[in-house]
Amino acid sequence: MPKSDALVGKNIPLVEAHHVGRKQRPTAIALRTSFTTGDAGAANGIAQAWHNPNNRVDSCHYVIDERQIIRCLPDNRAARSLYTSSYKHAITINVCYDPPELPYDKVLYNTARQVARLCRLHRIKLRLLSKEQELEWLKHPWKYRGGIILKTAGYFPSEKFFAIVQDEYKSF
């Protein structure tokens, strides 16, 4: 695959969410927990639920499980979320795992690879935001290149995840 295709992620299937919000310029990436198993059908099930016309509550940009990444919204459109409603200008990623269980290694790798790709594509700083940095970003999300926000539940192996992100970032 040419480097540009890898960066854009043209091989990622699209199952468009019913809710497509206003335009945005992404300056951060917010990860959240799906509270589903990490099996191969979890991402597709979530994407199909968001695609349903009766869904007017929740959406996310990407859903990732151990086998696939599904895109539900264009990066330049806002998502609607019960968990990350104040995160305008963020690309949201729903990671398929069910705390207190950890995400499977393959889910963690798929997520880290996608985060690295998005950071490179949108020039988002390659860093995990602390609470203070997150608050600063929330004050000025349109002009502050935030970073990666973890809104995951339970224990999430953030050091391992970020190490994979850094390695993958170099390959794009």
Protein backbone atom coordinates (compact mmCIF):
# COMPACT_ATOMS: atom_id res chain seq x y z
CA MET A 1 0.00 0.00 0.00
CA PRO A 2 1.45 3.43 -0.92
CA LYS A 3 2.38 5.63 2.02
CA SER A 4 -0.39 8.16 1.24
CA ASP A 5 -3.04 5.41 1.26
CA ALA A 6 -1.78 4.16 4.61
CA LEU A 7 -2.00 7.67 6.01
CA VAL A 8 -5.52 8.33 4.81
CA GLY A 9 -6.71 4.81 5.68
CA LYS A 10 -8.57 4.23 2.42
CA ASN A 11 -9.07 0.57 3.25
CA ILE A 12 -11.16 1.36 6.35
CA PRO A 13 -14.83 0.43 5.78
CA LEU A 14 -17.46 3.13 6.29
CA VAL A 15 -20.74 2.47 8.10
CA GLU A 16 -22.01 6.03 8.41
CA ALA A 17 -23.67 6.98 11.67
CA HIS A 18 -27.14 8.47 11.46
CA HIS A 19 -25.96 11.55 13.35
CA VAL A 20 -23.46 13.65 11.44
CA GLY A 21 -22.62 16.84 13.32
CA ARG A 22 -21.31 20.21 12.29
CA LYS A 23 -17.95 20.74 10.66
CA GLN A 24 -14.88 20.60 12.85
CA ARG A 25 -11.13 20.86 12.56
CA PRO A 26 -9.73 17.97 14.62
CA THR A 27 -7.10 19.00 17.16
CA ALA A 28 -7.29 16.00 19.52
CA ILE A 29 -8.20 12.32 19.65
CA ALA A 30 -10.44 11.02 22.44
CA LEU A 31 -10.52 7.29 23.22
CA ARG A 32 -13.47 5.83 25.06
CA THR A 33 -14.55 2.38 26.16
CA SER A 34 -17.30 0.51 24.33
CA PHE A 35 -18.18 -1.81 27.26
CA THR A 36 -18.41 -4.70 24.80
CA THR A 37 -16.23 -7.71 24.28
CA GLY A 38 -13.25 -7.36 21.99
CA ASP A 39 -14.56 -10.02 19.61
CA ALA A 40 -14.59 -9.49 15.89
CA GLY A 41 -18.29 -8.65 15.75
CA ALA A 42 -18.31 -5.94 18.40
CA ALA A 43 -17.20 -3.05 16.15
CA ASN A 44 -19.65 -3.96 13.43
CA GLY A 45 -22.53 -4.27 15.91
CA ILE A 46 -21.84 -0.81 17.34
CA ALA A 47 -21.43 0.77 13.91
CA GLN A 48 -24.71 -0.77 12.72
CA ALA A 49 -26.51 0.54 15.83
CA TRP A 50 -25.26 4.07 15.13
CA HIS A 51 -26.25 3.71 11.49
CA ASN A 52 -29.86 3.02 12.54
CA PRO A 53 -32.12 6.05 11.75
CA ASN A 54 -33.71 5.73 15.20
CA ASN A 55 -30.36 6.52 16.84
CA ARG A 56 -30.22 10.20 17.70
CA VAL A 57 -28.17 9.81 20.87
CA ASP A 58 -24.65 8.70 20.15
CA SER A 59 -21.99 8.44 17.48
CA CYS A 60 -18.24 8.15 17.19
CA HIS A 61 -15.70 8.53 14.40
CA TYR A 62 -14.15 5.05 14.63
CA VAL A 63 -15.00 1.76 16.31
CA ILE A 64 -12.13 -0.70 16.76
CA ASP A 65 -12.14 -4.35 17.76
CA GLU A 66 -9.55 -7.11 17.38
CA ARG A 67 -10.20 -7.66 13.70
CA GLN A 68 -11.36 -4.41 12.18
CA ILE A 69 -11.57 -0.65 12.25
CA ILE A 70 -14.87 0.83 11.11
CA ARG A 71 -15.27 4.49 10.28
CA CYS A 72 -18.65 5.98 11.23
CA LEU A 73 -18.08 9.69 10.63
CA PRO A 74 -15.71 11.79 8.56
CA ASP A 75 -12.91 13.24 10.68
CA ASN A 76 -14.02 16.78 9.83
CA ARG A 77 -17.54 16.31 11.27
CA ALA A 78 -18.40 16.40 14.97
CA ALA A 79 -19.61 13.28 16.76
CA ARG A 80 -22.44 13.21 19.26
CA SER A 81 -21.62 11.37 22.43
CA LEU A 82 -23.04 10.96 25.89
CA TYR A 83 -19.49 10.49 27.22
CA THR A 84 -17.53 13.07 25.28
CA SER A 85 -20.11 15.76 24.47
CA SER A 86 -17.77 18.59 25.43
CA TYR A 87 -15.00 17.28 23.17
CA LYS A 88 -15.72 19.34 20.10
CA HIS A 89 -12.80 19.33 17.66
CA ALA A 90 -11.86 15.79 18.72
CA ILE A 91 -11.86 12.59 16.70
CA THR A 92 -13.52 9.99 18.91
CA ILE A 93 -12.52 6.34 18.91
CA ASN A 94 -14.59 3.65 20.58
CA VAL A 95 -12.30 0.82 21.77
CA CYS A 96 -14.07 -2.54 22.08
CA TYR A 97 -13.38 -4.05 25.48
CA ASP A 98 -15.35 -4.56 28.66
CA PRO A 99 -13.68 -3.39 31.91
CA PRO A 100 -12.39 -4.67 34.22
CA GLU A 101 -10.93 -6.85 31.44
CA LEU A 102 -8.08 -5.25 29.51
CA PRO A 103 -8.34 -4.72 25.76
CA TYR A 104 -6.93 -7.66 23.82
CA ASP A 105 -3.43 -7.02 22.47
CA LYS A 106 -4.78 -6.92 18.91
CA VAL A 107 -7.42 -4.32 19.88
CA LEU A 108 -4.73 -2.24 21.56
CA TYR A 109 -2.47 -2.50 18.50
CA ASN A 110 -5.26 -1.64 16.03
CA THR A 111 -6.23 1.37 18.13
CA ALA A 112 -2.64 2.58 18.52
CA ARG A 113 -2.02 2.26 14.78
CA GLN A 114 -5.15 4.26 13.96
CA VAL A 115 -4.28 6.94 16.53
CA ALA A 116 -0.78 7.27 15.06
CA ARG A 117 -2.25 7.57 11.57
CA LEU A 118 -4.70 10.27 12.68
CA CYS A 119 -2.07 12.21 14.62
CA ARG A 120 0.15 12.30 11.54
CA LEU A 121 -2.69 13.17 9.16
CA HIS A 122 -4.16 16.01 11.27
CA ARG A 123 -0.87 17.20 12.82
CA ILE A 124 -2.11 16.40 16.33
CA LYS A 125 0.61 16.41 18.97
CA LEU A 126 1.85 12.96 19.83
CA ARG A 127 1.24 13.04 23.59
CA LEU A 128 -1.18 11.78 26.20
CA LEU A 129 -2.88 14.78 27.74
CA SER A 130 -2.79 15.20 31.49
CA LYS A 131 -5.93 16.52 33.21
CA GLU A 132 -4.44 20.04 33.21
CA GLN A 133 -3.54 19.87 29.51
CA GLU A 134 -7.00 18.49 28.73
CA LEU A 135 -8.63 21.43 30.53
CA GLU A 136 -6.42 23.87 28.62
CA TRP A 137 -7.41 22.19 25.36
CA LEU A 138 -11.12 22.37 26.31
CA LYS A 139 -10.80 26.16 26.72
CA HIS A 140 -9.38 26.63 23.21
CA PRO A 141 -9.91 23.44 21.15
CA TRP A 142 -10.00 25.24 17.81
CA LYS A 143 -6.50 26.68 18.10
CA TYR A 144 -4.64 24.37 20.48
CA ARG A 145 -3.20 21.15 19.03
CA GLY A 146 -4.13 19.00 21.99
CA GLY A 147 -3.09 15.38 21.80
CA ILE A 148 -4.59 12.08 22.91
CA ILE A 149 -7.28 12.02 25.57
CA LEU A 150 -8.01 8.77 27.38
CA LYS A 151 -11.62 8.54 28.56
CA THR A 152 -11.33 4.83 29.07
CA ALA A 153 -12.85 2.98 32.02
CA GLY A 154 -11.01 0.79 34.47
CA TYR A 155 -7.32 0.12 34.03
CA PHE A 156 -6.10 0.89 30.54
CA PRO A 157 -2.46 0.05 29.69
CA SER A 158 -1.64 3.63 28.69
CA GLU A 159 2.16 3.25 28.73
CA LYS A 160 2.06 0.18 26.49
CA PHE A 161 -0.52 1.85 24.23
CA PHE A 162 1.50 5.05 23.86
CA ALA A 163 4.70 3.13 23.11
CA ILE A 164 2.91 1.40 20.22
CA VAL A 165 1.53 4.75 19.00
CA GLN A 166 5.05 6.22 18.95
CA ASP A 167 6.45 3.23 17.03
CA GLU A 168 3.63 3.29 14.49
CA TYR A 169 3.85 7.07 14.05
CA LYS A 170 7.40 6.66 12.75
CA SER A 171 6.23 4.22 10.07
CA PHE A 172 3.81 6.66 8.40
